Protein backbone atom coordinates (compact mmCIF):
# COMPACT_ATOMS: atom_id res chain seq x y z
CA MET A 1 -99.31 13.33 -68.49
CA SER A 2 -99.18 9.99 -66.48
CA ASP A 3 -99.97 6.66 -68.18
CA GLU A 4 -103.08 6.52 -66.24
CA GLN A 5 -104.37 9.65 -67.43
CA LEU A 6 -103.69 8.63 -70.95
CA ARG A 7 -105.44 5.46 -70.50
CA GLU A 8 -108.45 6.98 -69.05
CA ARG A 9 -108.69 9.45 -72.05
CA LEU A 10 -108.43 6.45 -74.44
CA THR A 11 -110.74 4.19 -72.75
CA ALA A 12 -113.23 7.10 -72.83
CA VAL A 13 -113.36 6.71 -76.44
CA ARG A 14 -115.31 3.55 -76.21
CA GLN A 15 -117.85 5.29 -74.06
CA GLU A 16 -118.31 8.03 -76.73
CA VAL A 17 -118.69 5.62 -79.54
CA ALA A 18 -121.36 3.69 -77.64
CA LYS A 19 -123.51 6.79 -77.94
CA ALA A 20 -123.74 6.18 -81.75
CA VAL A 21 -122.90 2.63 -82.11
CA VAL A 22 -124.82 -0.10 -80.14
CA GLY A 23 -122.48 -3.04 -79.39
CA GLN A 24 -119.16 -3.64 -81.37
CA ASP A 25 -117.01 -2.86 -78.44
CA ALA A 26 -114.41 -5.57 -79.76
CA ALA A 27 -114.20 -3.56 -83.12
CA VAL A 28 -113.69 -0.24 -81.26
CA THR A 29 -110.88 -1.76 -79.02
CA SER A 30 -109.26 -3.20 -82.33
CA VAL A 31 -109.03 0.24 -83.79
CA MET A 32 -107.64 1.73 -80.65
CA ILE A 33 -105.02 -1.10 -80.56
CA ALA A 34 -104.06 -0.47 -84.14
CA LEU A 35 -103.66 3.34 -83.45
CA LEU A 36 -101.29 2.55 -80.55
CA VAL A 37 -98.98 0.25 -82.63
CA ARG A 38 -99.09 1.98 -86.04
CA GLY A 39 -101.27 -0.72 -87.65
CA HIS A 40 -104.32 -0.97 -89.70
CA VAL A 41 -107.58 -2.74 -89.41
CA LEU A 42 -109.84 -4.70 -91.86
CA LEU A 43 -113.45 -4.71 -90.69
CA GLU A 44 -115.67 -7.40 -92.29
CA GLY A 45 -119.57 -7.73 -91.82
CA VAL A 46 -122.59 -7.68 -93.79
CA PRO A 47 -124.19 -4.47 -94.74
CA GLY A 48 -125.92 -2.47 -91.83
CA VAL A 49 -123.77 -3.37 -88.96
CA ALA A 50 -122.36 0.16 -88.41
CA LYS A 51 -118.96 -0.34 -89.97
CA THR A 52 -118.80 3.19 -91.43
CA LEU A 53 -120.54 4.82 -88.52
CA LEU A 54 -118.07 3.17 -86.11
CA VAL A 55 -115.13 4.44 -87.90
CA ARG A 56 -116.61 7.97 -88.22
CA THR A 57 -117.39 8.20 -84.45
CA ILE A 58 -113.96 6.90 -83.37
CA SER A 59 -112.43 9.74 -85.41
CA ALA A 60 -114.80 12.29 -83.77
CA ALA A 61 -114.05 11.14 -80.23
CA LEU A 62 -110.27 11.32 -80.95
CA GLN A 63 -110.32 14.72 -82.73
CA LEU A 64 -108.53 13.18 -85.80
CA GLU A 65 -108.94 14.24 -89.39
CA SER A 66 -110.78 11.57 -91.42
CA SER A 67 -111.73 10.95 -94.97
CA ARG A 68 -113.78 8.25 -96.73
CA VAL A 69 -113.23 6.64 -100.03
CA GLN A 70 -116.00 4.48 -101.60
CA PHE A 71 -114.08 1.78 -103.57
CA THR A 72 -115.65 0.93 -106.90
CA PRO A 73 -114.53 -0.87 -110.08
CA ASP A 74 -113.78 2.35 -111.84
CA LEU A 75 -111.72 4.08 -109.01
CA MET A 76 -108.18 4.99 -110.12
CA PRO A 77 -104.94 4.99 -107.95
CA GLY A 78 -104.76 8.85 -108.19
CA ASP A 79 -108.22 9.03 -106.76
CA VAL A 80 -106.84 7.65 -103.62
CA THR A 81 -103.20 8.99 -103.34
CA GLY A 82 -103.57 12.24 -105.27
CA SER A 83 -102.09 13.27 -108.62
CA LEU A 84 -100.20 16.04 -110.60
CA VAL A 85 -102.56 18.65 -111.85
CA TYR A 86 -101.53 21.20 -114.57
CA ASP A 87 -101.91 24.80 -113.48
CA SER A 88 -102.62 26.95 -116.68
CA THR A 89 -101.76 30.27 -114.85
CA THR A 90 -98.26 29.24 -114.00
CA GLY A 91 -97.61 26.59 -116.72
CA ASP A 92 -96.48 24.09 -114.01
CA PHE A 93 -97.74 20.82 -112.62
CA SER A 94 -98.71 20.95 -108.87
CA PHE A 95 -99.51 18.01 -106.51
CA ARG A 96 -103.02 17.75 -105.25
CA PRO A 97 -103.17 15.55 -102.34
CA GLY A 98 -105.70 12.71 -102.44
CA PRO A 99 -107.94 11.46 -99.47
CA VAL A 100 -105.14 9.20 -98.16
CA PHE A 101 -103.48 12.31 -96.71
CA THR A 102 -105.39 12.22 -93.48
CA ASN A 103 -105.40 10.64 -90.02
CA LEU A 104 -107.96 8.03 -90.38
CA LEU A 105 -108.98 6.75 -93.87
CA LEU A 106 -112.01 4.75 -94.30
CA ALA A 107 -111.64 2.63 -97.25
CA ASP A 108 -115.24 1.61 -97.94
CA GLU A 109 -115.76 -1.93 -99.47
CA ILE A 110 -112.07 -2.22 -100.52
CA ASN A 111 -112.78 -5.59 -102.23
CA ARG A 112 -114.88 -3.82 -104.95
CA THR A 113 -111.88 -2.12 -106.69
CA PRO A 114 -109.41 -3.69 -108.97
CA PRO A 115 -105.87 -4.82 -107.70
CA LYS A 116 -104.12 -1.86 -109.22
CA THR A 117 -106.18 0.51 -107.05
CA GLN A 118 -105.90 -1.73 -103.97
CA ALA A 119 -102.24 -1.81 -104.41
CA SER A 120 -101.99 1.97 -104.35
CA LEU A 121 -102.59 1.74 -100.61
CA LEU A 122 -99.65 -0.55 -100.00
CA GLU A 123 -96.99 2.07 -99.91
CA ALA A 124 -99.05 4.32 -97.71
CA MET A 125 -99.88 1.54 -95.21
CA GLU A 126 -96.35 0.21 -94.94
CA GLU A 127 -94.03 3.27 -95.55
CA ARG A 128 -96.54 5.93 -94.43
CA GLN A 129 -95.73 7.97 -97.55
CA VAL A 130 -97.04 8.44 -101.19
CA SER A 131 -94.72 8.66 -104.01
CA VAL A 132 -95.88 10.83 -107.10
CA ASP A 133 -93.40 11.74 -109.80
CA GLY A 134 -90.46 10.36 -107.93
CA LEU A 135 -91.08 12.23 -104.79
CA GLY A 136 -92.14 10.69 -101.51
CA ARG A 137 -94.61 12.75 -99.58
CA ARG A 138 -95.08 11.88 -95.89
CA LEU A 139 -98.57 11.19 -94.51
CA PRO A 140 -99.70 12.64 -91.09
CA ASP A 141 -99.17 10.83 -88.00
CA PRO A 142 -101.12 9.08 -86.67
CA PHE A 143 -102.25 7.41 -89.91
CA LEU A 144 -104.72 4.37 -90.00
CA VAL A 145 -106.45 2.63 -92.73
CA ALA A 146 -109.72 1.17 -91.64
CA ALA A 147 -110.95 -0.90 -94.60
CA THR A 148 -114.39 -2.56 -94.78
CA GLN A 149 -115.49 -5.49 -96.92
CA ASN A 150 -118.73 -7.54 -97.40
CA PRO A 151 -118.14 -11.10 -96.86
CA VAL A 152 -121.26 -12.32 -98.61
CA GLU A 153 -121.06 -10.88 -101.99
CA TYR A 154 -118.60 -12.23 -104.56
CA GLU A 155 -119.97 -10.89 -107.82
CA GLY A 156 -118.04 -7.87 -108.96
CA THR A 157 -115.42 -8.18 -106.16
CA TYR A 158 -111.61 -8.46 -106.13
CA PRO A 159 -110.39 -10.44 -103.10
CA LEU A 160 -107.41 -8.78 -101.41
CA PRO A 161 -104.13 -10.77 -102.12
CA GLU A 162 -102.32 -12.18 -99.32
CA ALA A 163 -99.57 -9.62 -99.57
CA GLN A 164 -101.97 -6.71 -98.83
CA LEU A 165 -104.06 -8.74 -96.31
CA ASP A 166 -100.78 -9.13 -94.40
CA ARG A 167 -100.41 -5.42 -94.02
CA PHE A 168 -103.49 -5.19 -91.76
CA LEU A 169 -102.59 -5.73 -88.14
CA LEU A 170 -106.07 -6.96 -87.27
CA LYS A 171 -109.05 -8.42 -88.99
CA VAL A 172 -112.23 -7.78 -86.96
CA THR A 173 -115.57 -9.58 -87.88
CA LEU A 174 -118.63 -7.46 -87.07
CA ASP A 175 -121.54 -9.77 -86.05
CA LEU A 176 -125.19 -8.94 -86.30
CA PRO A 177 -126.51 -7.53 -82.91
CA ASP A 178 -128.24 -9.78 -80.51
CA ARG A 179 -132.00 -9.08 -79.79
CA GLN A 180 -131.53 -6.57 -76.95
CA GLU A 181 -128.81 -4.58 -79.01
CA GLU A 182 -131.15 -4.62 -82.08
CA ILE A 183 -133.97 -3.40 -79.92
CA GLU A 184 -131.85 -0.54 -78.72
CA VAL A 185 -130.84 0.34 -82.40
CA ILE A 186 -134.44 0.57 -83.30
CA ARG A 187 -135.35 2.44 -80.33
CA ARG A 188 -132.50 5.24 -80.94
CA HIS A 189 -133.81 5.71 -84.57
CA ALA A 190 -137.40 5.91 -83.31
CA ALA A 191 -136.28 8.62 -80.95
CA GLY A 192 -134.68 10.60 -83.80
CA PHE A 193 -131.07 9.53 -84.11
CA ASN A 194 -129.34 10.85 -86.99
CA PRO A 195 -126.10 8.99 -87.95
CA SER A 196 -124.83 11.80 -90.05
CA ASP A 197 -125.00 14.17 -86.99
CA LEU A 198 -122.75 12.81 -84.31
CA ALA A 199 -122.75 15.98 -82.33
CA ASP A 200 -126.54 15.78 -81.83
CA ALA A 201 -125.84 12.19 -80.57
CA GLY A 202 -123.71 13.55 -77.78
CA VAL A 203 -120.51 12.47 -79.16
CA ARG A 204 -117.62 14.78 -77.99
CA PRO A 205 -113.86 14.78 -78.29
CA VAL A 206 -112.27 13.05 -75.33
CA ALA A 207 -108.65 12.52 -76.52
CA SER A 208 -106.33 13.77 -79.18
CA ALA A 209 -103.64 12.80 -81.64
CA ASP A 210 -101.10 13.94 -79.19
CA ASP A 211 -102.57 11.44 -76.75
CA VAL A 212 -102.23 8.72 -79.12
CA LEU A 213 -98.69 9.55 -79.84
CA GLN A 214 -97.75 9.64 -76.13
CA ALA A 215 -99.56 6.40 -75.45
CA ARG A 216 -97.40 4.73 -78.23
CA GLN A 217 -94.40 5.51 -76.20
CA ALA A 218 -95.91 3.88 -73.09
CA VAL A 219 -96.90 0.73 -75.19
CA SER A 220 -93.40 0.38 -76.55
CA ALA A 221 -92.17 0.15 -72.91
CA VAL A 222 -94.47 -2.78 -72.06
CA GLN A 223 -92.37 -5.82 -71.29
CA ILE A 224 -92.77 -9.28 -72.60
CA SER A 225 -90.96 -12.27 -71.20
CA PRO A 226 -89.08 -14.82 -73.33
CA GLU A 227 -91.54 -17.33 -72.36
CA VAL A 228 -94.31 -15.52 -73.79
CA VAL A 229 -92.37 -14.58 -76.92
CA GLY A 230 -91.80 -18.40 -77.24
CA TYR A 231 -95.62 -18.96 -76.92
CA ILE A 232 -96.38 -16.68 -79.77
CA VAL A 233 -93.75 -18.38 -81.86
CA ASP A 234 -95.16 -21.75 -81.17
CA ILE A 235 -98.61 -20.55 -82.06
CA ALA A 236 -97.30 -19.16 -85.36
CA ARG A 237 -95.44 -22.34 -86.17
CA ALA A 238 -98.44 -24.49 -85.35
CA THR A 239 -100.51 -22.72 -88.16
CA ARG A 240 -97.78 -23.66 -90.68
CA ALA A 241 -98.08 -27.46 -89.63
CA ALA A 242 -101.72 -27.45 -89.59
CA PRO A 243 -103.32 -29.89 -92.08
CA SER A 244 -106.31 -27.59 -92.71
CA PHE A 245 -103.98 -24.69 -93.71
CA GLN A 246 -102.12 -24.39 -97.04
CA LEU A 247 -100.77 -21.06 -95.83
CA GLY A 248 -99.48 -20.30 -92.23
CA VAL A 249 -98.64 -17.36 -90.43
CA SER A 250 -95.45 -15.59 -91.32
CA PRO A 251 -92.85 -14.03 -88.85
CA ARG A 252 -94.63 -10.64 -89.62
CA GLY A 253 -97.91 -12.30 -88.41
CA ALA A 254 -96.23 -13.26 -85.12
CA THR A 255 -94.72 -9.85 -84.59
CA ALA A 256 -98.21 -8.33 -85.35
CA LEU A 257 -99.60 -10.66 -82.52
CA MET A 258 -96.89 -9.46 -80.24
CA SER A 259 -97.55 -5.79 -80.80
CA ALA A 260 -101.25 -6.10 -80.50
CA ALA A 261 -100.91 -8.00 -77.18
CA LYS A 262 -98.58 -5.29 -75.73
CA ALA A 263 -101.15 -2.49 -76.71
CA TRP A 264 -103.99 -4.67 -75.00
CA ALA A 265 -101.90 -5.25 -72.00
CA TRP A 266 -101.31 -1.55 -71.53
CA LEU A 267 -105.10 -0.68 -72.14
CA SER A 268 -105.72 -3.29 -69.37
CA GLY A 269 -103.57 -1.41 -66.95
CA ARG A 270 -100.39 -3.58 -66.95
CA ASP A 271 -96.85 -3.09 -68.13
CA TYR A 272 -96.21 -6.68 -69.01
CA VAL A 273 -97.77 -9.12 -71.40
CA THR A 274 -99.57 -12.31 -70.25
CA PRO A 275 -100.51 -15.37 -72.30
CA ASP A 276 -104.18 -14.38 -71.84
CA ASP A 277 -103.28 -11.22 -73.78
CA VAL A 278 -101.99 -13.35 -76.68
CA LYS A 279 -104.99 -15.48 -76.63
CA ALA A 280 -107.31 -12.44 -76.62
CA LEU A 281 -105.70 -11.15 -79.77
CA ALA A 282 -104.71 -14.35 -81.54
CA LEU A 283 -107.79 -14.62 -83.89
CA PRO A 284 -108.04 -10.85 -85.13
CA ALA A 285 -104.24 -10.88 -85.57
CA LEU A 286 -103.90 -14.13 -87.36
CA ARG A 287 -107.27 -15.16 -89.08
CA HIS A 288 -106.45 -13.13 -92.34
CA ARG A 289 -102.77 -14.42 -92.49
CA THR A 290 -103.86 -17.91 -93.15
CA ALA A 291 -105.41 -19.83 -96.11
CA LEU A 292 -107.46 -22.99 -95.89
CA THR A 293 -106.90 -25.83 -98.18
CA PRO A 294 -109.67 -26.48 -100.74
CA GLU A 295 -110.65 -29.69 -98.84
CA ALA A 296 -110.97 -27.96 -95.57
CA ALA A 297 -113.00 -25.06 -97.32
CA MET A 298 -115.27 -27.59 -99.02
CA ASP A 299 -115.93 -29.20 -95.65
CA GLY A 300 -117.13 -25.85 -94.17
CA THR A 301 -114.23 -25.45 -91.89
CA ALA A 302 -113.38 -21.80 -90.92
CA ALA A 303 -110.05 -20.37 -90.15
CA ASP A 304 -111.19 -19.39 -86.72
CA ASP A 305 -111.97 -23.09 -85.94
CA VAL A 306 -108.52 -24.11 -86.88
CA LEU A 307 -107.12 -21.32 -84.70
CA HIS A 308 -109.21 -22.25 -81.81
CA GLY A 309 -107.80 -25.76 -81.98
CA ILE A 310 -104.16 -24.45 -82.19
CA LEU A 311 -104.73 -22.27 -79.09
CA ALA A 312 -106.22 -25.28 -77.27
CA SER A 313 -103.37 -27.49 -78.02
CA THR A 314 -100.38 -25.18 -77.74
CA PRO A 315 -98.77 -25.38 -74.17
CA VAL A 316 -99.31 -22.09 -72.19
CA PRO A 317 -96.32 -20.89 -70.34
CA ARG A 318 -96.51 -20.79 -66.46
């Protein structure tokens, strides 16, 4: 299959998602980018902005297996990864796979579970396997964790540590819809839209896991010039020198920005990365890899504000 055919199939996913989700096109694109470069996505937004529906609809449009875990304070690591179960008929222990053995795992409200359970995802996200009783069990490919968190509630939550935040390729903020989008949401529900029945909403499979795997090869062939590589490094180094940040972007973050920019360039129909591609992905790729100083946080400064300033002041290659 040609690159153009693959691109058309994956682009059609956005049209299918729009049948169930109003707006949030940037979030859909971010999930697609993560799939193309073996990354994961952190979705942040207040309740009711269709985070869960978005992930379920993408899964249906791509014919991917998906599972959902509602993260709660009493959730144990084995509830996510699976565990050994005693079989009384044979007298042996057998492994019962957990919900992580899927293509697309929706980790709902991941900041509501303790660090021990949050950490159970680290190996799965980084190594694409789960180790139980000394044996590594491979996860399906493609595999993506789409985690959601609520930014306005802090009581009873466990903020993700920097080490785990760094495992997410992109952090996407889902904003409240504007007036026209909200009118469309209400109109659809008034007409009988049922979020639990995506088929009834007209969502159909338009691509497959094989298409994603083939597209990955095409994305890996996208060229990036030394000048654009230097631009990415300059942005990352500027975050480490920014007075408002006590923690800047690591080399892993710079690599993530490069990978995301390559995927976006390919989805845009090009086989090379431009500085505009880097700018387009800089905020979602870097915002969660930084930490504000206490003084900046008290002043109401946001990480995005600092990153906007860095992008404005970093020389762009010609």
